[in-house]
């Protein structure tokens, strides 16, 4: 799941601004912190829950996206694809910045929920 960092401290205005740019490009709703998903799991009577921060595993992905976008082949492809693609490629920089800055977090979780009768 895509999350923002855990407070405290509260998200700074520049962090919120960065997240809002990402939300717009990737058509994301507001993201919450990973611990909120733990609360949701409890509220939904889920068991065998396991939550982990996988951000360190995901970090290299965004740098690879950026490297591909700025390669000769990537630039030519972006120009041919138009402004939407160019804007999306630019957003990879925002994601990289948010992940490296600890604002954006990638969480993983598993849980079990009994079938409803």
Foldseek 3Di string as FASTA:
>chain_A
DKEFFDDDVDDDPVLVVLVVLLCVLVVHDHHHHQVVVVVVCVVQVWPPKDKDWCLVVCLVVLVVLLVCCPDPVNVVVQVVVDDSSVSNSVNSVSVNVCSVVRGMIDMDMDTGDDDDD
